[in-house]
């Protein structure tokens, strides 16, 4: 979860710089489809909703994450767009900062590992799962 935390902090406008492997390399071998990416977004929405975020903020988060689909599915578009600002605030600011994002990522991950649509990506040895969790935050 550590890598995902750093990456999402940057995507949502925070100062953290993601230094992990590029997302296309990480996800090419996994063989993601639109369906799995939709499941990911659904779990993000559930995590935010369960933590009490308003629908407007949830919508902002999904709008920021949606363009990542093209790169993760290896469709040739980039992830280089700057973090959007609304009324001068980043999505990360609107969410409450990196501490809150840690809760979102943890809640989202907990949903992904039990979601029957995508849990097969997480049905691995405990040490592999720990490695995945570490990279996500």
N, C-alpha and C. Protein backbone atom coordinates (compact mmCIF):
# COMPACT_ATOMS: atom_id res chain seq x y z
N UNK A 1 0.82 -1.20 0.00
CA UNK A 1 0.00 0.00 0.00
C UNK A 1 0.86 1.26 0.00
N UNK A 2 2.13 1.15 0.38
CA UNK A 2 2.99 2.33 0.48
C UNK A 2 3.16 3.01 -0.87
N UNK A 3 3.41 2.23 -1.92
CA UNK A 3 3.58 2.81 -3.25
C UNK A 3 2.31 3.47 -3.74
N UNK A 4 1.17 2.84 -3.48
CA UNK A 4 -0.09 3.43 -3.93
C UNK A 4 -0.37 4.73 -3.17
N UNK A 5 -0.05 4.75 -1.89
CA UNK A 5 -0.22 5.96 -1.09
C UNK A 5 0.60 7.12 -1.69
N UNK A 6 1.87 6.86 -1.98
CA UNK A 6 2.73 7.91 -2.55
C UNK A 6 2.23 8.33 -3.93
N UNK A 7 1.86 7.35 -4.74
CA UNK A 7 1.39 7.67 -6.09
C UNK A 7 0.12 8.51 -6.04
N UNK A 8 -0.86 8.08 -5.25
CA UNK A 8 -2.12 8.82 -5.18
C UNK A 8 -1.95 10.18 -4.54
N UNK A 9 -1.03 10.31 -3.61
CA UNK A 9 -0.75 11.63 -3.03
C UNK A 9 -0.32 12.58 -4.13
N UNK A 10 0.56 12.12 -5.00
CA UNK A 10 1.02 12.95 -6.11
C UNK A 10 -0.10 13.23 -7.11
N UNK A 11 -0.85 12.18 -7.47
CA UNK A 11 -1.94 12.34 -8.45
C UNK A 11 -2.98 13.35 -7.96
N UNK A 12 -3.25 13.33 -6.64
CA UNK A 12 -4.27 14.21 -6.09
C UNK A 12 -3.73 15.59 -5.73
N UNK A 13 -2.47 15.88 -6.08
CA UNK A 13 -1.94 17.23 -5.90
C UNK A 13 -1.05 17.44 -4.71
N UNK A 14 -0.65 16.37 -4.02
CA UNK A 14 0.24 16.51 -2.88
C UNK A 14 1.68 16.64 -3.32
N UNK A 15 2.57 16.87 -2.37
CA UNK A 15 3.97 17.11 -2.70
C UNK A 15 4.80 15.83 -2.78
N UNK A 16 4.23 14.72 -2.38
CA UNK A 16 4.97 13.46 -2.42
C UNK A 16 5.30 13.11 -3.86
N UNK A 17 6.47 12.59 -4.08
CA UNK A 17 6.88 12.20 -5.42
C UNK A 17 6.93 10.68 -5.48
N UNK A 18 6.19 10.11 -6.38
CA UNK A 18 6.17 8.66 -6.57
C UNK A 18 7.48 8.25 -7.22
N UNK A 19 8.18 7.27 -6.62
CA UNK A 19 9.47 6.84 -7.15
C UNK A 19 9.49 5.35 -7.52
N UNK A 20 8.33 4.72 -7.52
CA UNK A 20 8.26 3.30 -7.84
C UNK A 20 8.34 3.06 -9.34
N UNK A 21 8.21 1.79 -9.71
CA UNK A 21 8.18 1.43 -11.13
C UNK A 21 7.02 2.14 -11.80
N UNK A 22 7.15 2.36 -13.11
CA UNK A 22 6.05 3.02 -13.81
C UNK A 22 4.83 2.09 -13.84
N UNK A 23 3.66 2.72 -13.82
CA UNK A 23 2.41 1.96 -13.70
C UNK A 23 2.16 1.01 -14.86
N UNK A 24 2.58 1.40 -16.05
CA UNK A 24 2.36 0.52 -17.20
C UNK A 24 3.15 -0.78 -17.01
N UNK A 25 4.41 -0.68 -16.60
CA UNK A 25 5.23 -1.88 -16.37
C UNK A 25 4.62 -2.77 -15.31
N UNK A 26 4.18 -2.15 -14.22
CA UNK A 26 3.63 -2.91 -13.10
C UNK A 26 2.38 -3.67 -13.52
N UNK A 27 1.53 -3.03 -14.31
CA UNK A 27 0.21 -3.60 -14.60
C UNK A 27 0.12 -4.37 -15.91
N UNK A 28 1.12 -4.27 -16.78
CA UNK A 28 1.06 -4.99 -18.06
C UNK A 28 0.96 -6.50 -17.84
N UNK A 29 1.79 -7.02 -16.96
CA UNK A 29 1.80 -8.46 -16.71
C UNK A 29 0.53 -8.95 -16.04
N UNK A 30 -0.18 -8.05 -15.37
CA UNK A 30 -1.39 -8.43 -14.66
C UNK A 30 -2.54 -8.69 -15.64
N UNK A 31 -2.53 -8.01 -16.77
CA UNK A 31 -3.57 -8.20 -17.78
C UNK A 31 -4.90 -7.58 -17.40
N UNK A 32 -4.87 -6.35 -16.92
CA UNK A 32 -6.10 -5.66 -16.53
C UNK A 32 -6.98 -5.36 -17.74
N UNK A 33 -8.27 -5.33 -17.48
CA UNK A 33 -9.24 -4.93 -18.50
C UNK A 33 -10.05 -3.76 -17.94
N UNK A 34 -10.92 -3.22 -18.76
CA UNK A 34 -11.81 -2.16 -18.29
C UNK A 34 -12.62 -2.63 -17.09
N UNK A 35 -13.02 -3.88 -17.10
CA UNK A 35 -13.81 -4.42 -16.00
C UNK A 35 -13.07 -4.30 -14.67
N UNK A 36 -11.81 -4.74 -14.64
CA UNK A 36 -11.04 -4.66 -13.40
C UNK A 36 -10.80 -3.21 -12.98
N UNK A 37 -10.56 -2.33 -13.95
CA UNK A 37 -10.37 -0.92 -13.60
C UNK A 37 -11.66 -0.35 -13.04
N UNK A 38 -12.80 -0.73 -13.61
CA UNK A 38 -14.09 -0.30 -13.05
C UNK A 38 -14.26 -0.80 -11.62
N UNK A 39 -13.84 -2.03 -11.36
CA UNK A 39 -13.91 -2.57 -9.98
C UNK A 39 -13.03 -1.75 -9.05
N UNK A 40 -11.85 -1.37 -9.51
CA UNK A 40 -10.95 -0.53 -8.72
C UNK A 40 -11.65 0.79 -8.39
N UNK A 41 -12.22 1.46 -9.40
CA UNK A 41 -12.90 2.73 -9.16
C UNK A 41 -14.08 2.55 -8.21
N UNK A 42 -14.80 1.44 -8.37
CA UNK A 42 -15.93 1.15 -7.49
C UNK A 42 -15.46 1.02 -6.04
N UNK A 43 -14.33 0.37 -5.82
CA UNK A 43 -13.80 0.22 -4.47
C UNK A 43 -13.28 1.55 -3.92
N UNK A 44 -12.75 2.39 -4.78
CA UNK A 44 -12.35 3.73 -4.35
C UNK A 44 -13.59 4.50 -3.87
N UNK A 45 -14.66 4.45 -4.68
CA UNK A 45 -15.90 5.13 -4.31
C UNK A 45 -16.45 4.60 -2.99
N UNK A 46 -16.45 3.28 -2.81
CA UNK A 46 -16.94 2.69 -1.56
C UNK A 46 -16.10 3.14 -0.38
N UNK A 47 -14.77 3.15 -0.55
CA UNK A 47 -13.88 3.57 0.54
C UNK A 47 -14.16 5.01 0.93
N UNK A 48 -14.28 5.88 -0.06
CA UNK A 48 -14.55 7.29 0.24
C UNK A 48 -15.91 7.47 0.90
N UNK A 49 -16.91 6.78 0.38
CA UNK A 49 -18.26 6.89 0.93
C UNK A 49 -18.29 6.39 2.37
N UNK A 50 -17.62 5.25 2.63
CA UNK A 50 -17.64 4.70 3.98
C UNK A 50 -16.90 5.58 4.98
N UNK A 51 -16.01 6.42 4.47
CA UNK A 51 -15.29 7.35 5.34
C UNK A 51 -15.98 8.71 5.43
N UNK A 52 -17.18 8.82 4.84
CA UNK A 52 -18.00 10.01 5.02
C UNK A 52 -17.77 11.13 4.03
N UNK A 53 -17.10 10.87 2.91
CA UNK A 53 -16.89 11.93 1.93
C UNK A 53 -18.19 12.25 1.20
N UNK A 54 -18.34 13.52 0.84
CA UNK A 54 -19.51 13.95 0.09
C UNK A 54 -19.40 13.47 -1.36
N UNK A 55 -20.55 13.33 -2.00
CA UNK A 55 -20.58 12.85 -3.39
C UNK A 55 -19.73 13.71 -4.31
N UNK A 56 -19.72 15.02 -4.10
CA UNK A 56 -18.94 15.91 -4.96
C UNK A 56 -17.46 15.59 -4.90
N UNK A 57 -16.95 15.29 -3.72
CA UNK A 57 -15.54 14.94 -3.57
C UNK A 57 -15.26 13.59 -4.20
N UNK A 58 -16.16 12.64 -3.99
CA UNK A 58 -16.01 11.31 -4.60
C UNK A 58 -15.95 11.45 -6.12
N UNK A 59 -16.83 12.27 -6.68
CA UNK A 59 -16.83 12.49 -8.13
C UNK A 59 -15.50 13.09 -8.60
N UNK A 60 -14.95 14.05 -7.83
CA UNK A 60 -13.67 14.66 -8.19
C UNK A 60 -12.57 13.60 -8.23
N UNK A 61 -12.55 12.73 -7.23
CA UNK A 61 -11.53 11.69 -7.17
C UNK A 61 -11.64 10.76 -8.38
N UNK A 62 -12.84 10.35 -8.72
CA UNK A 62 -13.03 9.46 -9.87
C UNK A 62 -12.61 10.15 -11.17
N UNK A 63 -12.93 11.43 -11.29
CA UNK A 63 -12.55 12.18 -12.49
C UNK A 63 -11.03 12.25 -12.62
N UNK A 64 -10.33 12.40 -11.51
CA UNK A 64 -8.87 12.44 -11.53
C UNK A 64 -8.29 11.07 -11.88
N UNK A 65 -8.89 10.00 -11.38
CA UNK A 65 -8.36 8.65 -11.60
C UNK A 65 -8.70 8.08 -12.98
N UNK A 66 -9.80 8.49 -13.55
CA UNK A 66 -10.26 7.89 -14.81
C UNK A 66 -9.22 7.96 -15.93
N UNK A 67 -8.51 9.07 -16.13
CA UNK A 67 -7.53 9.10 -17.23
C UNK A 67 -6.39 8.09 -17.08
N UNK A 68 -6.17 7.60 -15.88
CA UNK A 68 -5.11 6.61 -15.65
C UNK A 68 -5.45 5.30 -16.36
N UNK A 69 -6.73 5.06 -16.59
CA UNK A 69 -7.19 3.83 -17.25
C UNK A 69 -6.43 3.58 -18.55
N UNK A 70 -6.27 4.61 -19.36
CA UNK A 70 -5.64 4.45 -20.68
C UNK A 70 -4.22 3.92 -20.57
N UNK A 71 -3.46 4.43 -19.61
CA UNK A 71 -2.08 3.95 -19.45
C UNK A 71 -2.04 2.55 -18.84
N UNK A 72 -2.86 2.30 -17.84
CA UNK A 72 -2.83 0.98 -17.20
C UNK A 72 -3.25 -0.12 -18.15
N UNK A 73 -4.14 0.22 -19.07
CA UNK A 73 -4.58 -0.77 -20.04
C UNK A 73 -3.73 -0.71 -21.30
N UNK A 74 -2.61 0.02 -21.20
CA UNK A 74 -1.62 0.11 -22.28
C UNK A 74 -2.22 0.63 -23.58
N UNK A 75 -2.96 1.71 -23.48
CA UNK A 75 -3.59 2.30 -24.66
C UNK A 75 -2.84 3.52 -25.19
N UNK A 76 -1.68 3.79 -24.60
CA UNK A 76 -0.80 4.79 -25.17
C UNK A 76 -0.97 6.22 -24.70
N UNK A 77 -1.89 6.52 -23.84
CA UNK A 77 -1.99 7.88 -23.33
C UNK A 77 -1.18 7.97 -22.04
N UNK A 78 -0.74 9.15 -21.74
CA UNK A 78 0.16 9.31 -20.61
C UNK A 78 -0.53 9.69 -19.32
N UNK A 79 0.27 9.70 -18.25
CA UNK A 79 -0.20 10.08 -16.92
C UNK A 79 0.39 11.41 -16.50
N UNK A 80 0.91 12.18 -17.45
CA UNK A 80 1.68 13.37 -17.12
C UNK A 80 0.84 14.61 -16.84
N UNK A 81 -0.46 14.52 -16.92
CA UNK A 81 -1.29 15.70 -16.68
C UNK A 81 -1.11 16.19 -15.24
N UNK A 82 -1.05 17.50 -15.07
CA UNK A 82 -0.90 18.01 -13.70
C UNK A 82 -2.16 17.74 -12.89
N UNK A 83 -1.98 17.67 -11.58
CA UNK A 83 -3.13 17.46 -10.69
C UNK A 83 -4.10 18.62 -10.86
N UNK A 84 -5.37 18.31 -11.12
CA UNK A 84 -6.33 19.39 -11.32
C UNK A 84 -6.60 20.16 -10.03
N UNK A 85 -6.96 21.41 -10.20
CA UNK A 85 -7.31 22.26 -9.07
C UNK A 85 -8.72 22.78 -9.28
N UNK A 86 -9.47 22.79 -8.20
CA UNK A 86 -10.82 23.34 -8.23
C UNK A 86 -10.88 24.42 -7.18
N UNK A 87 -11.19 25.62 -7.61
CA UNK A 87 -11.18 26.77 -6.70
C UNK A 87 -9.85 26.89 -5.97
N UNK A 88 -8.75 26.61 -6.68
CA UNK A 88 -7.42 26.74 -6.12
C UNK A 88 -6.96 25.61 -5.23
N UNK A 89 -7.80 24.61 -5.03
CA UNK A 89 -7.46 23.49 -4.15
C UNK A 89 -7.29 22.21 -4.96
N UNK A 90 -6.33 21.40 -4.55
CA UNK A 90 -6.17 20.09 -5.19
C UNK A 90 -7.20 19.14 -4.61
N UNK A 91 -7.40 18.02 -5.28
CA UNK A 91 -8.31 17.00 -4.76
C UNK A 91 -7.80 16.51 -3.41
N UNK A 92 -6.47 16.38 -3.28
CA UNK A 92 -5.90 15.94 -2.01
C UNK A 92 -6.25 16.92 -0.89
N UNK A 93 -6.17 18.21 -1.16
CA UNK A 93 -6.56 19.21 -0.17
C UNK A 93 -8.03 19.06 0.20
N UNK A 94 -8.87 18.88 -0.80
CA UNK A 94 -10.31 18.73 -0.56
C UNK A 94 -10.60 17.50 0.31
N UNK A 95 -9.81 16.43 0.09
CA UNK A 95 -10.01 15.19 0.85
C UNK A 95 -9.52 15.32 2.29
N UNK A 96 -8.62 16.24 2.56
CA UNK A 96 -8.12 16.40 3.92
C UNK A 96 -6.66 16.04 4.09
N UNK A 97 -5.95 15.80 3.01
CA UNK A 97 -4.51 15.56 3.09
C UNK A 97 -4.11 14.10 3.07
N UNK A 98 -2.80 13.89 3.24
CA UNK A 98 -2.24 12.54 3.10
C UNK A 98 -2.67 11.60 4.20
N UNK A 99 -2.91 12.12 5.40
CA UNK A 99 -3.35 11.22 6.49
C UNK A 99 -4.70 10.59 6.15
N UNK A 100 -5.60 11.39 5.60
CA UNK A 100 -6.91 10.88 5.21
C UNK A 100 -6.75 9.92 4.03
N UNK A 101 -5.85 10.23 3.12
CA UNK A 101 -5.63 9.35 1.97
C UNK A 101 -5.14 7.98 2.42
N UNK A 102 -4.37 7.93 3.50
CA UNK A 102 -3.93 6.64 4.05
C UNK A 102 -5.14 5.80 4.44
N UNK A 103 -6.13 6.42 5.08
CA UNK A 103 -7.36 5.70 5.44
C UNK A 103 -8.11 5.24 4.20
N UNK A 104 -8.16 6.09 3.18
CA UNK A 104 -8.86 5.74 1.94
C UNK A 104 -8.19 4.53 1.29
N UNK A 105 -6.86 4.55 1.18
CA UNK A 105 -6.14 3.45 0.54
C UNK A 105 -6.32 2.16 1.34
N UNK A 106 -6.22 2.23 2.66
CA UNK A 106 -6.39 1.03 3.49
C UNK A 106 -7.80 0.45 3.34
N UNK A 107 -8.80 1.32 3.36
CA UNK A 107 -10.19 0.87 3.21
C UNK A 107 -10.42 0.29 1.82
N UNK A 108 -9.86 0.96 0.81
CA UNK A 108 -10.02 0.49 -0.57
C UNK A 108 -9.35 -0.87 -0.74
N UNK A 109 -8.14 -1.02 -0.20
CA UNK A 109 -7.42 -2.29 -0.32
C UNK A 109 -8.20 -3.41 0.34
N UNK A 110 -8.74 -3.13 1.53
CA UNK A 110 -9.53 -4.14 2.24
C UNK A 110 -10.72 -4.57 1.40
N UNK A 111 -11.30 -3.66 0.65
CA UNK A 111 -12.42 -4.00 -0.23
C UNK A 111 -11.98 -4.81 -1.44
N UNK A 112 -10.82 -4.46 -2.00
CA UNK A 112 -10.33 -5.16 -3.18
C UNK A 112 -10.02 -6.62 -2.90
N UNK A 113 -9.42 -6.92 -1.74
CA UNK A 113 -9.00 -8.30 -1.48
C UNK A 113 -10.17 -9.24 -1.22
N UNK A 114 -11.36 -8.69 -0.96
CA UNK A 114 -12.53 -9.55 -0.76
C UNK A 114 -13.56 -9.41 -1.88
N UNK A 115 -13.34 -8.50 -2.80
CA UNK A 115 -14.25 -8.28 -3.92
C UNK A 115 -14.14 -9.47 -4.87
N UNK A 116 -15.20 -10.28 -5.02
CA UNK A 116 -15.10 -11.49 -5.85
C UNK A 116 -14.74 -11.20 -7.31
N UNK A 117 -14.96 -9.98 -7.76
CA UNK A 117 -14.65 -9.65 -9.15
C UNK A 117 -13.15 -9.48 -9.39
N UNK A 118 -12.38 -9.13 -8.37
CA UNK A 118 -10.95 -8.87 -8.57
C UNK A 118 -10.05 -9.53 -7.53
N UNK A 119 -10.62 -10.24 -6.58
CA UNK A 119 -9.78 -10.80 -5.51
C UNK A 119 -8.78 -11.83 -6.02
N UNK A 120 -9.04 -12.41 -7.20
CA UNK A 120 -8.08 -13.38 -7.74
C UNK A 120 -6.70 -12.77 -7.95
N UNK A 121 -6.64 -11.44 -8.11
CA UNK A 121 -5.34 -10.78 -8.21
C UNK A 121 -4.58 -10.84 -6.89
N UNK A 122 -5.32 -11.06 -5.79
CA UNK A 122 -4.74 -11.04 -4.45
C UNK A 122 -4.67 -12.43 -3.82
N UNK A 123 -5.12 -13.47 -4.52
CA UNK A 123 -5.07 -14.85 -4.01
C UNK A 123 -3.66 -15.40 -4.21
N UNK A 124 -2.77 -14.96 -3.35
CA UNK A 124 -1.38 -15.36 -3.46
C UNK A 124 -0.84 -15.63 -2.07
N UNK A 125 0.41 -16.05 -2.02
CA UNK A 125 1.06 -16.32 -0.74
C UNK A 125 1.07 -15.05 0.11
N UNK A 126 0.98 -15.21 1.44
CA UNK A 126 0.95 -14.03 2.33
C UNK A 126 2.11 -13.06 2.10
N UNK A 127 3.30 -13.57 1.82
CA UNK A 127 4.44 -12.66 1.61
C UNK A 127 4.28 -11.85 0.32
N UNK A 128 3.62 -12.44 -0.68
CA UNK A 128 3.36 -11.71 -1.92
C UNK A 128 2.32 -10.62 -1.65
N UNK A 129 1.29 -10.95 -0.89
CA UNK A 129 0.26 -9.98 -0.53
C UNK A 129 0.88 -8.83 0.26
N UNK A 130 1.77 -9.14 1.19
CA UNK A 130 2.43 -8.08 1.96
C UNK A 130 3.21 -7.16 1.04
N UNK A 131 3.87 -7.72 0.04
CA UNK A 131 4.61 -6.91 -0.93
C UNK A 131 3.69 -6.02 -1.72
N UNK A 132 2.53 -6.55 -2.12
CA UNK A 132 1.54 -5.75 -2.85
C UNK A 132 1.04 -4.62 -1.97
N UNK A 133 0.71 -4.92 -0.72
CA UNK A 133 0.23 -3.90 0.20
C UNK A 133 1.27 -2.81 0.38
N UNK A 134 2.51 -3.19 0.54
CA UNK A 134 3.58 -2.21 0.74
C UNK A 134 3.70 -1.29 -0.46
N UNK A 135 3.61 -1.84 -1.67
CA UNK A 135 3.71 -1.02 -2.86
C UNK A 135 2.49 -0.12 -3.04
N UNK A 136 1.32 -0.53 -2.53
CA UNK A 136 0.11 0.27 -2.70
C UNK A 136 0.11 1.52 -1.84
N UNK A 137 0.66 1.47 -0.65
CA UNK A 137 0.67 2.65 0.22
C UNK A 137 1.95 3.34 0.02
